């Protein structure tokens, strides 16, 4: 779970509360007054035989937050990729940066395979490809739930699965669906969607 500047506005006490502190917050570019990282900069997940690195990047803000400083995201991302790229097969960036900065990620960091963004000026962003990096996001505040399916192997390039009619297999394919969550949705309906996604993940692990 990447930390945004809006999250930081809740203050240091918020993040030190037991129920919040236990959540898997990540940010590679938030430091304290001593210049030390406040949160874990990344996590590494093992899914089947694939090692997945997840890096968090926090965007700039106009909020006064005395306890924390948001540092340059390029320096932070460069350092984190240097640390994990040889340990991970697939790299995801959870980004709270603006769109122009997210675009730079695809241009400057080809080792990043997927960027899940959280640009508050945009709503649902259909999955799209820039260079060999995929980008997508869903609307804020839990109003939509997104599901991304992809087939991936090293040394291949991304192609939308709708382009696979020629029978080509030497590519990385992707497809995405977004489900709207509205007040009329019953909790059990939302839970059913989550269960379906978890089932897909578990099937892949097997």
Protein backbone atom coordinates (compact mmCIF):
# COMPACT_ATOMS: atom_id res chain seq x y z
CA UNK A 1 0.00 0.00 0.00
CA UNK A 2 1.78 3.13 -1.23
CA UNK A 3 1.69 6.27 0.93
CA UNK A 4 0.28 9.43 -0.65
CA UNK A 5 0.78 13.02 0.47
CA UNK A 6 -2.87 13.06 1.49
CA UNK A 7 -2.21 10.10 3.78
CA UNK A 8 0.68 12.01 5.36
CA UNK A 9 -1.66 14.86 6.24
CA UNK A 10 -3.15 12.58 8.92
CA UNK A 11 0.06 13.11 10.90
CA UNK A 12 2.67 11.03 12.66
CA UNK A 13 0.30 9.86 15.40
CA UNK A 14 -1.99 8.33 12.78
CA UNK A 15 0.77 6.14 11.35
CA UNK A 16 1.98 5.14 14.81
CA UNK A 17 -1.42 3.82 15.88
CA UNK A 18 -1.29 -0.02 16.12
CA UNK A 19 -4.08 -0.74 13.62
CA UNK A 20 -2.55 1.57 10.99
CA UNK A 21 1.08 0.72 11.64
CA UNK A 22 0.36 -2.95 10.95
CA UNK A 23 -0.67 -2.21 7.35
CA UNK A 24 1.95 -2.83 4.62
CA UNK A 25 2.72 0.84 3.83
CA UNK A 26 5.54 1.47 1.36
CA UNK A 27 7.27 4.62 0.13
CA UNK A 28 10.78 4.96 -1.22
CA UNK A 29 10.91 8.76 -0.93
CA UNK A 30 9.49 9.83 2.45
CA UNK A 31 12.12 10.60 5.09
CA UNK A 32 12.01 11.89 8.66
CA UNK A 33 13.90 14.84 10.16
CA UNK A 34 17.04 12.72 10.34
CA UNK A 35 16.82 11.84 6.65
CA UNK A 36 15.87 8.21 7.35
CA UNK A 37 13.16 6.40 5.42
CA UNK A 38 9.91 6.40 7.36
CA UNK A 39 8.35 3.41 5.60
CA UNK A 40 9.65 0.30 3.88
CA UNK A 41 10.64 1.41 0.36
CA UNK A 42 9.55 -1.83 -1.26
CA UNK A 43 8.26 -5.33 -0.66
CA UNK A 44 9.04 -8.53 -2.53
CA UNK A 45 6.37 -11.16 -3.11
CA UNK A 46 6.88 -14.70 -4.36
CA UNK A 47 4.01 -15.97 -6.55
CA UNK A 48 4.73 -19.41 -7.85
CA UNK A 49 8.16 -19.29 -9.40
CA UNK A 50 7.98 -15.53 -10.06
CA UNK A 51 9.54 -13.00 -7.70
CA UNK A 52 7.67 -9.69 -7.79
CA UNK A 53 9.13 -6.44 -6.45
CA UNK A 54 6.72 -3.63 -5.48
CA UNK A 55 8.07 -0.09 -4.98
CA UNK A 56 6.07 2.84 -3.57
CA UNK A 57 6.54 6.42 -4.79
CA UNK A 58 4.89 9.42 -3.13
CA UNK A 59 4.08 12.55 -5.14
CA UNK A 60 4.61 16.20 -4.15
CA UNK A 61 2.10 18.14 -2.07
CA UNK A 62 1.17 21.57 -0.76
CA UNK A 63 0.38 20.35 2.75
CA UNK A 64 2.55 21.35 5.69
CA UNK A 65 3.84 18.12 7.25
CA UNK A 66 6.59 18.97 9.79
CA UNK A 67 7.58 15.39 10.59
CA UNK A 68 8.14 14.19 7.01
CA UNK A 69 9.88 15.27 3.82
CA UNK A 70 9.11 13.92 0.34
CA UNK A 71 12.38 13.56 -1.55
CA UNK A 72 13.17 13.34 -5.27
CA UNK A 73 11.37 10.35 -6.74
CA UNK A 74 13.95 9.71 -9.47
CA UNK A 75 16.77 9.31 -6.97
CA UNK A 76 14.59 7.06 -4.83
CA UNK A 77 13.47 4.87 -7.74
CA UNK A 78 17.01 4.60 -9.11
CA UNK A 79 18.26 3.41 -5.72
CA UNK A 80 15.46 0.91 -5.24
CA UNK A 81 15.80 -0.59 -8.71
CA UNK A 82 19.54 -0.96 -8.15
CA UNK A 83 18.71 -2.84 -4.96
CA UNK A 84 16.00 -5.22 -6.20
CA UNK A 85 16.13 -5.60 -9.98
CA UNK A 86 18.52 -8.56 -9.81
CA UNK A 87 16.35 -10.18 -7.14
CA UNK A 88 13.01 -9.80 -8.93
CA UNK A 89 11.58 -11.13 -12.18
CA UNK A 90 8.76 -8.58 -12.38
CA UNK A 91 8.69 -5.03 -10.98
CA UNK A 92 5.61 -2.98 -10.07
CA UNK A 93 5.60 0.67 -9.03
CA UNK A 94 2.71 2.04 -6.97
CA UNK A 95 2.87 5.70 -7.90
CA UNK A 96 1.22 8.79 -6.44
CA UNK A 97 3.08 10.99 -8.96
CA UNK A 98 1.48 13.22 -11.58
CA UNK A 99 0.92 11.87 -15.09
CA UNK A 100 3.97 13.54 -16.64
CA UNK A 101 6.25 11.97 -14.02
CA UNK A 102 4.65 8.57 -14.51
CA UNK A 103 5.36 8.84 -18.22
CA UNK A 104 9.03 9.48 -17.42
CA UNK A 105 9.17 6.17 -15.57
CA UNK A 106 8.51 4.30 -18.82
CA UNK A 107 11.16 6.36 -20.61
CA UNK A 108 13.91 6.25 -17.99
CA UNK A 109 13.35 2.91 -16.23
CA UNK A 110 12.68 0.08 -18.73
CA UNK A 111 13.02 -2.51 -15.95
CA UNK A 112 9.63 -1.38 -14.53
CA UNK A 113 6.94 -3.62 -16.01
CA UNK A 114 3.77 -2.20 -14.45
CA UNK A 115 2.84 1.15 -12.85
CA UNK A 116 -0.38 1.41 -10.86
CA UNK A 117 -1.06 5.10 -10.48
CA UNK A 118 -3.11 7.22 -8.07
CA UNK A 119 -3.37 10.59 -9.79
CA UNK A 120 -6.23 12.31 -7.95
CA UNK A 121 -6.99 14.44 -11.02
CA UNK A 122 -7.92 11.34 -13.01
CA UNK A 123 -10.55 8.66 -12.50
CA UNK A 124 -10.48 5.19 -13.98
CA UNK A 125 -7.57 4.93 -16.42
CA UNK A 126 -7.88 2.06 -18.91
CA UNK A 127 -4.73 0.00 -19.03
CA UNK A 128 -2.32 1.29 -21.65
CA UNK A 129 1.26 0.78 -22.70
CA UNK A 130 4.08 3.33 -22.86
CA UNK A 131 7.29 1.87 -24.23
CA UNK A 132 7.35 -1.53 -22.49
CA UNK A 133 5.58 -0.46 -19.28
CA UNK A 134 1.89 -0.86 -18.52
CA UNK A 135 -0.11 1.84 -16.71
CA UNK A 136 -3.53 1.79 -15.09
CA UNK A 137 -5.52 3.09 -12.12
CA UNK A 138 -9.01 2.94 -10.67
CA UNK A 139 -11.06 5.74 -9.18
CA UNK A 140 -10.21 6.87 -5.65
CA UNK A 141 -11.91 6.04 -2.32
CA UNK A 142 -12.85 2.47 -3.21
CA UNK A 143 -15.49 3.43 -5.76
CA UNK A 144 -14.21 0.92 -8.29
CA UNK A 145 -12.44 -2.41 -8.08
CA UNK A 146 -10.04 -3.31 -10.89
CA UNK A 147 -8.89 -6.75 -12.00
CA UNK A 148 -5.85 -7.13 -14.24
CA UNK A 149 -5.03 -10.42 -15.93
CA UNK A 150 -1.75 -10.84 -17.73
CA UNK A 151 0.49 -13.49 -19.20
CA UNK A 152 4.12 -12.68 -18.73
CA UNK A 153 7.54 -14.14 -19.42
CA UNK A 154 11.01 -12.53 -19.35
CA UNK A 155 12.48 -10.95 -22.49
CA UNK A 156 9.09 -10.50 -24.17
CA UNK A 157 7.21 -7.33 -25.00
CA UNK A 158 3.69 -6.36 -23.95
CA UNK A 159 0.80 -6.74 -26.37
CA UNK A 160 -2.89 -6.38 -25.71
CA UNK A 161 -4.55 -9.80 -25.61
CA UNK A 162 -7.02 -8.65 -28.27
CA UNK A 163 -4.06 -8.64 -30.69
CA UNK A 164 -3.38 -12.34 -30.26
CA UNK A 165 -5.70 -13.60 -33.01
CA UNK A 166 -2.71 -14.55 -35.16
CA UNK A 167 -1.83 -17.27 -32.67
CA UNK A 168 1.43 -15.63 -31.65
CA UNK A 169 2.65 -16.87 -28.27
CA UNK A 170 5.95 -15.04 -27.86
CA UNK A 171 4.57 -11.95 -26.15
CA UNK A 172 3.26 -10.70 -22.83
CA UNK A 173 -0.50 -10.23 -22.95
CA UNK A 174 -2.78 -8.20 -20.74
CA UNK A 175 -6.45 -7.56 -20.21
CA UNK A 176 -8.31 -5.63 -17.51
CA UNK A 177 -11.81 -5.24 -16.11
CA UNK A 178 -13.21 -2.60 -13.75
CA UNK A 179 -16.24 -3.14 -11.53
CA UNK A 180 -18.09 -0.15 -10.10
CA UNK A 181 -18.79 -0.25 -6.38
CA UNK A 182 -21.87 1.83 -5.53
CA UNK A 183 -23.90 2.26 -2.31
CA UNK A 184 -26.53 -0.13 -3.66
CA UNK A 185 -23.98 -2.93 -3.90
CA UNK A 186 -24.60 -5.39 -1.10
CA UNK A 187 -21.51 -6.23 1.02
CA UNK A 188 -21.83 -9.86 -0.05
CA UNK A 189 -21.70 -8.80 -3.71
CA UNK A 190 -18.46 -6.91 -3.16
CA UNK A 191 -17.09 -9.87 -1.21
CA UNK A 192 -17.95 -12.15 -4.13
CA UNK A 193 -15.86 -9.97 -6.46
CA UNK A 194 -12.93 -10.08 -4.04
CA UNK A 195 -13.27 -13.86 -3.72
CA UNK A 196 -13.22 -14.21 -7.50
CA UNK A 197 -10.01 -12.20 -7.73
CA UNK A 198 -8.42 -14.23 -4.93
CA UNK A 199 -9.40 -17.43 -6.71
CA UNK A 200 -7.67 -16.25 -9.88
CA UNK A 201 -4.51 -15.47 -7.89
CA UNK A 202 -4.58 -18.84 -6.14
CA UNK A 203 -5.07 -20.68 -9.43
CA UNK A 204 -1.96 -18.99 -10.78
CA UNK A 205 0.05 -19.93 -7.70
CA UNK A 206 -0.85 -23.58 -8.21
